[in-house]
Amino acid sequence: MKSKLLLRFIIALVTVFAFHSRVFAIMPSGGEPQKAKYVFLFIGDGMGLAQVNLTQGYLASLEGKIGFKQLTFTAFPQVGLMSNYANDRLITCSAAAGTALATGHKTNINRISYDPSGKEPFESVASKAKKNGFKVGILTTVSIDHATPSVFYAHDTDRNMYFDIGTQLTRSDFDYFAGGGFMKMQDTIGNKIINLAKLAGENGYNVVNTREAFDKLAPGAGKTLVLSSGTAGEESLPFYLDMDPDDITLADYTAKAINLLSNDKGFFMMVEGGKIDWACHANDAATAIQEVIEFDKAIDNAFSFYLKHKDETLIIVTADHETGALGLGNNKTGYDSYLDRLKYQKSSVEVLYKIFAQFRVNKTGDTIADFNKIMKVVETEIGINSRMNSTLLTEDELTALKKTFVESVYYPGAGKGTYGQREPFIDAVIRLLAEKAGISWGSGAHTFINVPVYAIGAGAERFSGYIDNTDIPKRIAELMGISQ
């Protein structure tokens, strides 16, 4: 009996010791949480776990392998799962989700760092960092006054108040902004025309909108606002799939931010891959993959910085929500996947819509000839209905596609989508490509699926396990020593 009691006591002692060893192992020798001097918060807008896994599986397929190829951030040691519901509904928008990620407070849909009633503004972790002497950078692939970037520097009851939000940017005193453009560059106040780029200059910002000027930016440049010289829809950067070699990428923005913001006190940087969401709204898998790849390249620049400052740098990668209800599998392909078929798509839906709109203008009126002509374009630009790509369409698929084509060309049914105009024929072809690749889309909108969190560096363990989006800025503030 005594031996059994002794054995139980030893087991209990070992268990307690093992638990406390894990706790002590993630803390510095003094028993205090690590302080984060340099903080990167990467937000992949619309990037759920499915979007991450799709990208990993696609990259592996290009090498002829089955499995996942690691991205920079998927190899981070700390992994968590994050809830993202809004104050007034399960399915959030980027404004409400962004407010939670920036301020630590839930709010209603479309609020920009305001409480649900629209009466009390919330202070962001970026503003707190600035007040405490840290340099601050806000970077995005969409317009700089869009929901996710704006929650870090502005307050508004409606995310669509673009000019007011842009005006607040010019007064923010943050050190570095980089994005597409302004959704509303100017407005008339009284009898005076106010231009936001000019106003930013008057408020001490060095406004840059060419590649040449961007490349010349160096430490000591002062407060800087970088606007893309070549914006696409909604004043965003072009999709990565559509970029020219001279276009400035999110990775370029991030490398430049590190160069300009590095200092002895430290910095806080929010970097948004905003067009992952846009590609997923359009159910454009190939484009979404390329947006995640670009996002990862930006993260890789931060990781290179981390390797030089391991004890002082914190990198967090997460999402505001998932978009599209992306499914990695479908009934047509069963348990087979053909993700490498997505590599043949040359342009995003944004460019494909423009190609199709021009085709409509130039139609001959001969439905058979026009359909055959557009199908050649489809094969070249999207890689579908190709024997070489193993994406030949069935007779039923061609019949359905021809019906959509006729309706789209001769009785235009293009409707307003979440971001810009839609083309039903192009949408149908893109869905067919996804189906041939072995994936599916359940929605063209957001979902309330929990999203992943990846972290590395000083205090990274605080972001593992199951957390809420409001926990992110609170823990960042604690680790930076700016809780108050």
Protein backbone atom coordinates (compact mmCIF):
# COMPACT_ATOMS: atom_id res chain seq x y z
CA MET A 1 0.00 0.00 0.00
CA LYS A 2 2.81 2.36 0.97
CA SER A 3 4.61 1.65 -2.31
CA LYS A 4 1.46 2.54 -4.30
CA LEU A 5 1.08 5.82 -2.40
CA LEU A 6 4.74 6.62 -2.97
CA LEU A 7 4.35 5.91 -6.69
CA ARG A 8 1.30 8.21 -6.94
CA PHE A 9 3.20 10.94 -5.10
CA ILE A 10 6.15 10.66 -7.51
CA ILE A 11 3.86 10.78 -10.54
CA ALA A 12 2.09 13.87 -9.19
CA LEU A 13 5.41 15.54 -8.43
CA VAL A 14 6.73 14.85 -11.93
CA THR A 15 3.52 16.21 -13.49
CA VAL A 16 3.68 19.45 -11.49
CA PHE A 17 7.38 19.83 -12.27
CA ALA A 18 6.79 19.28 -16.00
CA PHE A 19 4.01 21.89 -16.06
CA HIS A 20 6.07 24.52 -14.31
CA SER A 21 9.09 23.74 -16.46
CA ARG A 22 7.05 24.64 -19.56
CA VAL A 23 5.91 27.88 -17.96
CA PHE A 24 9.43 28.89 -16.98
CA ALA A 25 10.80 27.84 -20.38
CA ILE A 26 8.80 30.53 -22.20
CA MET A 27 9.88 33.29 -19.82
CA PRO A 28 13.17 35.11 -19.57
CA SER A 29 15.50 34.29 -16.70
CA GLY A 30 14.11 37.09 -14.53
CA GLY A 31 10.60 35.60 -14.65
CA GLU A 32 9.19 38.68 -16.43
CA PRO A 33 7.52 38.57 -19.85
CA GLN A 34 9.82 39.51 -22.71
CA LYS A 35 9.56 43.07 -23.93
CA ALA A 36 8.89 43.63 -27.62
CA LYS A 37 10.80 46.58 -29.04
CA TYR A 38 10.03 45.96 -32.72
CA VAL A 39 6.50 44.72 -33.48
CA PHE A 40 5.08 43.59 -36.82
CA LEU A 41 1.35 42.87 -37.07
CA PHE A 42 0.54 41.25 -40.42
CA ILE A 43 -3.14 41.02 -41.32
CA GLY A 44 -4.13 38.88 -44.31
CA ASP A 45 -7.57 40.25 -45.09
CA GLY A 46 -9.89 37.32 -45.79
CA MET A 47 -7.08 34.80 -45.21
CA GLY A 48 -8.49 31.80 -43.39
CA LEU A 49 -6.65 28.55 -42.78
CA ALA A 50 -8.04 27.21 -46.07
CA GLN A 51 -6.39 30.03 -48.03
CA VAL A 52 -3.08 29.29 -46.29
CA ASN A 53 -3.34 25.55 -46.91
CA LEU A 54 -4.39 26.07 -50.53
CA THR A 55 -1.25 28.13 -51.12
CA GLN A 56 0.94 25.55 -49.41
CA GLY A 57 -0.61 22.69 -51.37
CA TYR A 58 -0.34 24.60 -54.64
CA LEU A 59 3.37 25.33 -54.12
CA ALA A 60 4.01 21.67 -53.30
CA SER A 61 2.14 20.61 -56.45
CA LEU A 62 4.41 22.78 -58.59
CA GLU A 63 7.29 20.62 -57.38
CA GLY A 64 5.37 17.45 -58.16
CA LYS A 65 4.80 16.71 -54.48
CA ILE A 66 1.77 15.85 -52.40
CA GLY A 67 1.62 17.84 -49.19
CA PHE A 68 2.31 21.34 -47.96
CA LYS A 69 5.28 23.54 -48.74
CA GLN A 70 6.11 25.77 -45.80
CA LEU A 71 5.61 29.50 -46.11
CA THR A 72 7.75 31.77 -43.96
CA PHE A 73 4.96 32.35 -41.45
CA THR A 74 3.61 28.80 -41.31
CA ALA A 75 6.97 27.73 -39.85
CA PHE A 76 6.59 30.10 -36.88
CA PRO A 77 6.72 28.17 -33.57
CA GLN A 78 3.58 29.62 -31.97
CA VAL A 79 0.20 28.89 -33.56
CA GLY A 80 -3.24 29.89 -32.34
CA LEU A 81 -6.87 30.04 -33.38
CA MET A 82 -8.80 33.30 -33.21
CA SER A 83 -12.50 34.16 -33.06
CA ASN A 84 -13.55 37.25 -35.02
CA TYR A 85 -17.28 37.89 -34.58
CA ALA A 86 -18.50 41.50 -34.39
CA ASN A 87 -20.50 43.09 -31.58
CA ASP A 88 -23.75 42.96 -33.54
CA ARG A 89 -23.41 39.78 -35.62
CA LEU A 90 -21.42 36.59 -36.12
CA ILE A 91 -20.12 37.46 -39.58
CA THR A 92 -17.91 40.51 -39.27
CA CYS A 93 -16.71 43.11 -41.74
CA SER A 94 -13.18 44.43 -42.03
CA ALA A 95 -14.05 47.62 -40.14
CA ALA A 96 -15.41 45.86 -37.05
CA ALA A 97 -12.77 43.14 -37.16
CA GLY A 98 -10.05 45.71 -37.76
CA THR A 99 -11.27 47.79 -34.83
CA ALA A 100 -10.96 44.75 -32.57
CA LEU A 101 -7.45 44.01 -33.86
CA ALA A 102 -6.40 47.65 -33.47
CA THR A 103 -8.08 48.67 -30.22
CA GLY A 104 -9.06 45.53 -28.30
CA HIS A 105 -12.78 46.38 -28.40
CA LYS A 106 -15.71 44.78 -30.21
CA THR A 107 -17.88 47.12 -32.23
CA ASN A 108 -20.67 47.10 -34.79
CA ILE A 109 -20.34 46.61 -38.51
CA ASN A 110 -18.78 49.52 -40.43
CA ARG A 111 -17.49 51.36 -37.34
CA ILE A 112 -13.92 52.66 -37.59
CA SER A 113 -12.47 52.49 -34.05
CA TYR A 114 -15.73 53.71 -32.54
CA ASP A 115 -17.93 52.06 -29.92
CA PRO A 116 -21.18 50.37 -31.04
CA SER A 117 -23.25 53.47 -30.26
CA GLY A 118 -20.98 55.67 -32.34
CA LYS A 119 -20.38 58.02 -29.42
CA GLU A 120 -17.00 56.98 -28.00
CA PRO A 121 -13.80 56.61 -30.05
CA PHE A 122 -11.38 53.80 -29.22
CA GLU A 123 -7.62 54.36 -29.13
CA SER A 124 -5.53 51.99 -31.25
CA VAL A 125 -2.36 50.22 -30.19
CA ALA A 126 -0.62 52.17 -32.97
CA SER A 127 -1.63 55.49 -31.43
CA LYS A 128 -0.50 54.29 -28.01
CA ALA A 129 2.83 53.22 -29.47
CA LYS A 130 3.30 56.64 -31.07
CA LYS A 131 2.51 58.43 -27.79
CA ASN A 132 5.10 56.26 -26.06
CA GLY A 133 7.88 57.24 -28.43
CA PHE A 134 7.78 54.33 -30.90
CA LYS A 135 7.78 54.97 -34.63
CA VAL A 136 4.67 53.74 -36.44
CA GLY A 137 4.06 52.44 -39.96
CA ILE A 138 0.79 51.47 -41.67
CA LEU A 139 1.08 49.51 -44.94
CA THR A 140 -1.50 47.94 -47.24
CA THR A 141 -2.15 46.69 -50.77
CA VAL A 142 -5.52 48.47 -50.91
CA SER A 143 -6.34 52.17 -50.59
CA ILE A 144 -4.68 53.72 -47.56
CA ASP A 145 -8.10 54.90 -46.28
CA HIS A 146 -9.68 51.44 -46.50
CA ALA A 147 -11.18 49.80 -43.41
CA THR A 148 -8.23 47.77 -42.08
CA PRO A 149 -5.53 50.44 -42.29
CA SER A 150 -7.83 53.26 -41.18
CA VAL A 151 -8.81 51.69 -37.83
CA PHE A 152 -5.23 52.19 -36.67
CA TYR A 153 -5.18 55.97 -37.22
CA ALA A 154 -8.77 57.23 -37.61
CA HIS A 155 -12.18 57.25 -35.93
CA ASP A 156 -15.44 57.30 -37.83
CA THR A 157 -18.93 55.89 -37.44
CA ASP A 158 -18.99 54.78 -41.08
CA ARG A 159 -16.11 53.17 -43.00
CA ASN A 160 -17.35 54.83 -46.20
CA MET A 161 -16.50 58.34 -44.97
CA TYR A 162 -13.32 58.17 -47.02
CA PHE A 163 -12.47 61.85 -47.24
CA ASP A 164 -12.89 62.39 -43.51
CA ILE A 165 -10.75 59.29 -42.82
CA GLY A 166 -8.09 60.53 -45.23
CA THR A 167 -8.07 63.92 -43.54
CA GLN A 168 -7.39 62.20 -40.22
CA LEU A 169 -4.44 60.38 -41.81
CA THR A 170 -2.82 63.70 -42.67
CA ARG A 171 -3.11 64.76 -39.00
CA SER A 172 -2.07 61.44 -37.45
CA ASP A 173 1.66 62.16 -37.15
CA PHE A 174 2.45 58.48 -37.84
CA ASP A 175 5.85 58.04 -39.43
CA TYR A 176 5.18 55.96 -42.54
CA PHE A 177 2.12 55.22 -44.65
CA ALA A 178 2.21 53.13 -47.82
CA GLY A 179 -0.68 51.84 -49.91
CA GLY A 180 -2.63 52.35 -53.10
CA GLY A 181 -4.23 55.79 -53.17
CA PHE A 182 -7.11 57.64 -51.52
CA MET A 183 -10.64 56.57 -52.37
CA LYS A 184 -11.60 60.24 -52.35
CA MET A 185 -8.50 62.34 -53.00
CA GLN A 186 -10.25 65.69 -52.80
CA ASP A 187 -13.44 67.39 -51.72
CA THR A 188 -14.85 70.89 -51.51
CA ILE A 189 -15.13 72.29 -48.00
CA GLY A 190 -16.97 75.59 -48.07
CA ASN A 191 -15.65 77.17 -51.25
CA LYS A 192 -12.22 75.59 -50.98
CA ILE A 193 -11.03 72.45 -52.77
CA ILE A 194 -9.03 70.27 -50.36
CA ASN A 195 -6.59 67.76 -51.87
CA LEU A 196 -5.42 65.11 -49.40
CA ALA A 197 -1.96 64.64 -50.91
CA LYS A 198 -1.40 68.40 -50.74
CA LEU A 199 -2.84 68.55 -47.22
CA ALA A 200 -0.49 65.76 -46.12
CA GLY A 201 2.42 67.78 -47.50
CA GLU A 202 1.25 70.85 -45.61
CA ASN A 203 1.14 68.76 -42.45
CA GLY A 204 4.78 67.73 -42.79
CA TYR A 205 4.54 64.54 -44.87
CA ASN A 206 6.96 63.72 -47.63
CA VAL A 207 4.48 62.53 -50.29
CA VAL A 208 5.94 60.02 -52.77
CA ASN A 209 4.10 58.61 -55.79
CA THR A 210 6.77 57.38 -58.21
CA ARG A 211 9.04 54.35 -58.19
CA GLU A 212 12.10 56.55 -58.56
CA ALA A 213 11.22 58.69 -55.53
CA PHE A 214 10.33 55.59 -53.52
CA ASP A 215 13.67 53.94 -54.24
CA LYS A 216 15.50 57.08 -53.10
CA LEU A 217 13.79 57.15 -49.70
CA ALA A 218 16.38 56.76 -46.94
CA PRO A 219 16.56 57.11 -43.14
CA GLY A 220 16.03 60.71 -42.17
CA ALA A 221 13.32 61.23 -44.80
CA GLY A 222 10.90 62.29 -42.06
CA LYS A 223 7.19 61.50 -42.08
CA THR A 224 6.42 59.76 -45.36
CA LEU A 225 3.28 58.93 -47.32
CA VAL A 226 3.79 56.56 -50.26
CA LEU A 227 0.97 56.35 -52.79
CA SER A 228 1.16 53.87 -55.67
CA SER A 229 1.89 55.42 -59.05
CA GLY A 230 -0.25 52.82 -60.81
CA THR A 231 -3.41 51.91 -58.93
CA ALA A 232 -5.99 49.34 -59.97
CA GLY A 233 -9.66 49.11 -58.96
CA GLU A 234 -10.76 50.95 -55.82
CA GLU A 235 -7.41 52.78 -55.69
CA SER A 236 -5.55 49.60 -54.71
CA LEU A 237 -2.25 48.13 -55.83
CA PRO A 238 -2.65 45.80 -58.83
CA PHE A 239 -3.15 42.16 -57.97
CA TYR A 240 0.22 40.44 -57.69
CA LEU A 241 -0.72 38.26 -60.68
CA ASP A 242 -1.16 41.42 -62.81
CA MET A 243 1.91 43.37 -61.68
CA ASP A 244 4.62 44.62 -64.00
CA PRO A 245 8.28 44.26 -62.95
CA ASP A 246 8.46 47.96 -62.06
CA ASP A 247 5.40 47.93 -59.79
CA ILE A 248 6.01 48.45 -56.07
CA THR A 249 4.94 45.40 -54.05
CA LEU A 250 3.92 44.92 -50.44
CA ALA A 251 7.30 43.29 -49.85
CA ASP A 252 8.95 46.47 -51.18
CA TYR A 253 6.81 48.59 -48.89
CA THR A 254 7.78 46.43 -45.92
CA ALA A 255 11.51 46.48 -46.65
CA LYS A 256 11.39 50.26 -46.99
CA ALA A 257 9.41 50.60 -43.75
CA ILE A 258 12.05 48.60 -41.87
CA ASN A 259 14.74 50.83 -43.34
CA LEU A 260 12.96 54.07 -42.43
CA LEU A 261 11.51 53.13 -39.04
CA SER A 262 14.46 51.34 -37.43
CA ASN A 263 15.63 53.28 -34.38
CA ASP A 264 16.84 52.72 -30.80
CA LYS A 265 13.37 53.14 -29.24
CA GLY A 266 11.59 50.71 -31.56
CA PHE A 267 8.55 50.63 -33.83
CA PHE A 268 5.07 49.23 -34.43
CA MET A 269 4.13 48.24 -37.95
CA MET A 270 0.80 47.00 -39.34
CA VAL A 271 1.04 45.37 -42.76
CA GLU A 272 -2.14 44.32 -44.57
CA GLY A 273 -2.45 41.91 -47.48
CA GLY A 274 -5.77 43.50 -48.39
CA LYS A 275 -6.48 41.94 -51.76
CA ILE A 276 -6.48 38.33 -50.56
CA ASP A 277 -10.01 39.23 -49.51
CA TRP A 278 -10.89 40.77 -52.87
CA ALA A 279 -9.75 37.68 -54.79
CA CYS A 280 -11.78 35.47 -52.49
CA HIS A 281 -14.90 37.65 -52.88
CA ALA A 282 -14.56 36.89 -56.59
CA ASN A 283 -13.84 33.19 -55.87
CA ASP A 284 -10.62 33.60 -57.85
CA ALA A 285 -8.40 30.86 -56.43
CA ALA A 286 -5.31 31.44 -58.59
CA THR A 287 -5.25 35.14 -57.76
CA ALA A 288 -5.85 34.49 -54.05
CA ILE A 289 -2.86 32.13 -53.99
CA GLN A 290 -0.62 34.77 -55.53
CA GLU A 291 -1.82 37.36 -53.00
CA VAL A 292 -0.89 35.01 -50.14
CA ILE A 293 2.52 34.44 -51.75
CA GLU A 294 3.10 38.21 -51.97
CA PHE A 295 1.96 38.58 -48.35
CA ASP A 296 4.46 35.91 -47.32
CA LYS A 297 7.27 37.73 -49.13
CA ALA A 298 6.53 40.82 -47.05
CA ILE A 299 6.62 38.66 -43.92
CA ASP A 300 9.94 37.22 -45.03
CA ASN A 301 11.44 40.72 -44.93
CA ALA A 302 10.25 41.07 -41.34
CA PHE A 303 11.65 37.64 -40.53
CA SER A 304 15.07 38.65 -41.86
CA PHE A 305 14.95 41.63 -39.49
CA TYR A 306 13.90 39.32 -36.64
CA LEU A 307 16.95 37.11 -37.18
CA LYS A 308 19.15 40.14 -36.39
CA HIS A 309 17.08 41.20 -33.34
CA LYS A 310 15.62 37.97 -31.95
CA ASP A 311 15.31 39.09 -28.33
CA GLU A 312 13.48 42.32 -29.18
CA THR A 313 11.31 41.54 -32.21
CA LEU A 314 7.76 40.18 -32.28
CA ILE A 315 6.01 39.12 -35.50
CA ILE A 316 2.31 38.23 -35.49
CA VAL A 317 0.47 37.00 -38.59
CA THR A 318 -3.30 36.63 -38.61
CA ALA A 319 -6.47 37.56 -40.50
CA ASP A 320 -9.52 39.68 -39.82
CA HIS A 321 -11.89 37.00 -41.15
CA GLU A 322 -12.16 34.31 -43.82
CA THR A 323 -13.73 35.14 -47.18
CA GLY A 324 -15.46 32.82 -49.63
CA ALA A 325 -16.02 29.70 -47.50
CA LEU A 326 -13.15 28.10 -49.40
CA GLY A 327 -13.32 24.31 -49.44
CA LEU A 328 -10.28 22.19 -50.20
CA GLY A 329 -12.09 19.48 -52.13
CA ASN A 330 -15.32 19.02 -54.11
CA ASN A 331 -17.75 16.36 -55.31
CA LYS A 332 -16.56 16.39 -58.93
CA THR A 333 -12.93 15.47 -58.21
CA GLY A 334 -13.68 13.47 -55.07
CA TYR A 335 -10.51 12.69 -53.16
CA ASP A 336 -8.25 13.89 -55.99
CA SER A 337 -6.62 17.32 -56.20
CA TYR A 338 -5.08 19.03 -59.23
CA LEU A 339 -3.90 22.33 -57.77
CA ASP A 340 -1.16 22.76 -60.37
CA ARG A 341 -3.91 23.48 -62.93
CA LEU A 342 -4.24 26.91 -61.34
CA LYS A 343 -0.79 27.91 -62.57
CA TYR A 344 -2.05 28.50 -66.12
CA GLN A 345 -4.20 31.49 -65.16
CA LYS A 346 -2.30 34.59 -66.32
CA SER A 347 -4.53 37.41 -65.07
CA SER A 348 -6.79 38.19 -62.14
CA VAL A 349 -10.55 38.52 -62.47
CA GLU A 350 -10.06 42.29 -62.41
CA VAL A 351 -8.11 42.20 -65.69
CA LEU A 352 -10.27 39.42 -67.12
CA TYR A 353 -13.38 41.53 -66.54
CA LYS A 354 -11.82 44.33 -68.58
CA ILE A 355 -10.90 41.93 -71.38
CA PHE A 356 -14.46 40.61 -71.47
CA ALA A 357 -16.00 44.08 -71.34
CA GLN A 358 -13.95 45.06 -74.39
CA PHE A 359 -14.95 41.82 -76.12
CA ARG A 360 -18.60 42.78 -75.58
CA VAL A 361 -17.98 46.10 -77.31
CA ASN A 362 -16.39 44.33 -80.29
CA LYS A 363 -18.91 41.48 -80.62
CA THR A 364 -19.90 40.52 -84.17
CA GLY A 365 -23.44 39.36 -83.47
CA ASP A 366 -22.66 35.81 -84.56
CA THR A 367 -23.15 33.93 -81.27
CA ILE A 368 -21.30 30.78 -82.38
CA ALA A 369 -18.32 32.66 -83.81
CA ASP A 370 -18.18 35.00 -80.81
CA PHE A 371 -18.35 32.12 -78.35
CA ASN A 372 -15.59 30.22 -80.13
CA LYS A 373 -13.47 33.37 -80.13
CA ILE A 374 -13.92 34.06 -76.42
CA MET A 375 -13.14 30.43 -75.62
CA LYS A 376 -9.74 30.88 -77.29
CA VAL A 377 -9.17 33.83 -74.98
CA VAL A 378 -10.30 31.73 -72.02
CA GLU A 379 -7.88 28.95 -72.92
CA THR A 380 -4.97 31.39 -73.30
CA GLU A 381 -5.63 33.60 -70.25
CA ILE A 382 -7.12 31.10 -67.80
CA GLY A 383 -5.84 27.76 -69.07
CA ILE A 384 -9.19 26.02 -69.11
CA ASN A 385 -10.70 23.81 -71.85
CA SER A 386 -7.19 22.79 -72.75
CA ARG A 387 -6.10 19.24 -73.53
CA MET A 388 -2.52 20.14 -72.58
CA ASN A 389 -3.67 21.38 -69.16
CA SER A 390 -6.09 18.46 -68.66
CA THR A 391 -8.96 20.91 -68.26
CA LEU A 392 -11.20 19.99 -71.19
CA LEU A 393 -14.84 20.88 -70.55
CA THR A 394 -17.68 18.41 -70.95
CA GLU A 395 -20.54 19.04 -73.37
CA ASP A 396 -22.82 19.90 -70.44
CA GLU A 397 -20.26 22.38 -69.10
CA LEU A 398 -19.83 24.00 -72.52
CA THR A 399 -23.60 24.26 -72.99
CA ALA A 400 -24.04 25.96 -69.61
CA LEU A 401 -21.10 28.24 -70.27
CA LYS A 402 -22.45 29.24 -73.69
CA LYS A 403 -25.80 30.13 -72.13
CA THR A 404 -24.04 32.38 -69.60
CA PHE A 405 -21.94 33.88 -72.40
CA VAL A 406 -24.97 34.80 -74.52
CA GLU A 407 -26.73 36.36 -71.54
CA SER A 408 -23.61 38.30 -70.55
CA VAL A 409 -22.77 39.60 -74.03
CA TYR A 410 -26.12 40.19 -75.66
CA TYR A 411 -28.22 40.84 -72.53
CA PRO A 412 -25.56 42.20 -70.16
CA GLY A 413 -26.26 40.99 -66.64
CA ALA A 414 -23.07 42.22 -65.04
CA GLY A 415 -23.94 43.37 -61.55
CA LYS A 416 -22.21 45.35 -58.84
CA GLY A 417 -20.09 43.05 -56.71
CA THR A 418 -18.55 43.62 -53.31
CA TYR A 419 -15.61 45.35 -54.99
CA GLY A 420 -16.39 46.71 -58.43
CA GLN A 421 -18.37 45.42 -61.40
CA ARG A 422 -18.81 41.70 -62.02
CA GLU A 423 -18.91 39.68 -65.24
CA PRO A 424 -21.02 36.50 -64.89
CA PHE A 425 -19.27 34.72 -67.77
CA ILE A 426 -15.79 35.24 -66.32
CA ASP A 427 -17.07 34.27 -62.88
CA ALA A 428 -18.46 31.02 -64.33
CA VAL A 429 -15.14 30.17 -66.01
CA ILE A 430 -13.18 30.90 -62.83
CA ARG A 431 -15.50 28.62 -60.86
CA LEU A 432 -15.00 25.86 -63.43
CA LEU A 433 -11.22 26.19 -63.07
CA ALA A 434 -11.52 25.85 -59.31
CA GLU A 435 -13.68 22.78 -59.77
CA LYS A 436 -11.14 21.23 -62.17
CA ALA A 437 -8.40 21.94 -59.61
CA GLY A 438 -10.34 20.12 -56.89
CA ILE A 439 -11.50 22.99 -54.69
CA SER A 440 -14.82 24.72 -54.06
CA TRP A 441 -16.30 28.00 -52.90
CA GLY A 442 -19.35 28.18 -50.67
CA SER A 443 -19.82 31.94 -50.65
CA GLY A 444 -18.84 35.22 -52.22
CA ALA A 445 -18.92 36.88 -48.82
CA HIS A 446 -17.24 36.68 -45.41
CA THR A 447 -17.70 33.80 -42.98
CA PHE A 448 -17.42 33.53 -39.19
CA ILE A 449 -14.91 30.68 -39.32
CA ASN A 450 -12.13 31.12 -36.76
CA VAL A 451 -8.85 32.24 -38.34
CA PRO A 452 -5.25 31.20 -37.60
CA VAL A 453 -2.61 33.15 -35.72
CA TYR A 454 1.13 32.60 -36.19
CA ALA A 455 3.79 34.26 -34.03
CA ILE A 456 7.52 34.32 -33.40
CA GLY A 457 9.80 36.35 -31.18
CA ALA A 458 9.54 38.27 -27.93
CA GLY A 459 6.36 37.18 -26.15
CA ALA A 460 5.12 35.11 -29.09
CA GLU A 461 3.72 32.45 -26.77
CA ARG A 462 1.04 34.96 -25.73
CA PHE A 463 -0.62 34.44 -29.10
CA SER A 464 -0.90 30.65 -29.11
CA GLY A 465 -3.97 28.64 -28.14
CA TYR A 466 -7.54 29.87 -28.55
CA ILE A 467 -7.90 33.65 -28.39
CA ASP A 468 -10.25 36.42 -29.54
CA ASN A 469 -9.33 39.21 -31.94
CA THR A 470 -9.61 41.72 -29.07
CA ASP A 471 -6.72 39.94 -27.32
CA ILE A 472 -4.20 40.81 -30.05
CA PRO A 473 -3.71 44.56 -29.39
CA LYS A 474 -4.02 44.16 -25.62
CA ARG A 475 -1.16 41.68 -25.53
CA ILE A 476 0.92 43.70 -27.96
CA ALA A 477 0.51 46.75 -25.74
CA GLU A 478 1.54 44.78 -22.66
CA LEU A 479 4.61 43.38 -24.39
CA MET A 480 5.62 46.82 -25.64
CA GLY A 481 5.05 48.30 -22.19
CA ILE A 482 2.33 50.71 -23.38
CA SER A 483 -0.74 49.34 -21.62
CA GLN A 484 -1.77 52.76 -20.36
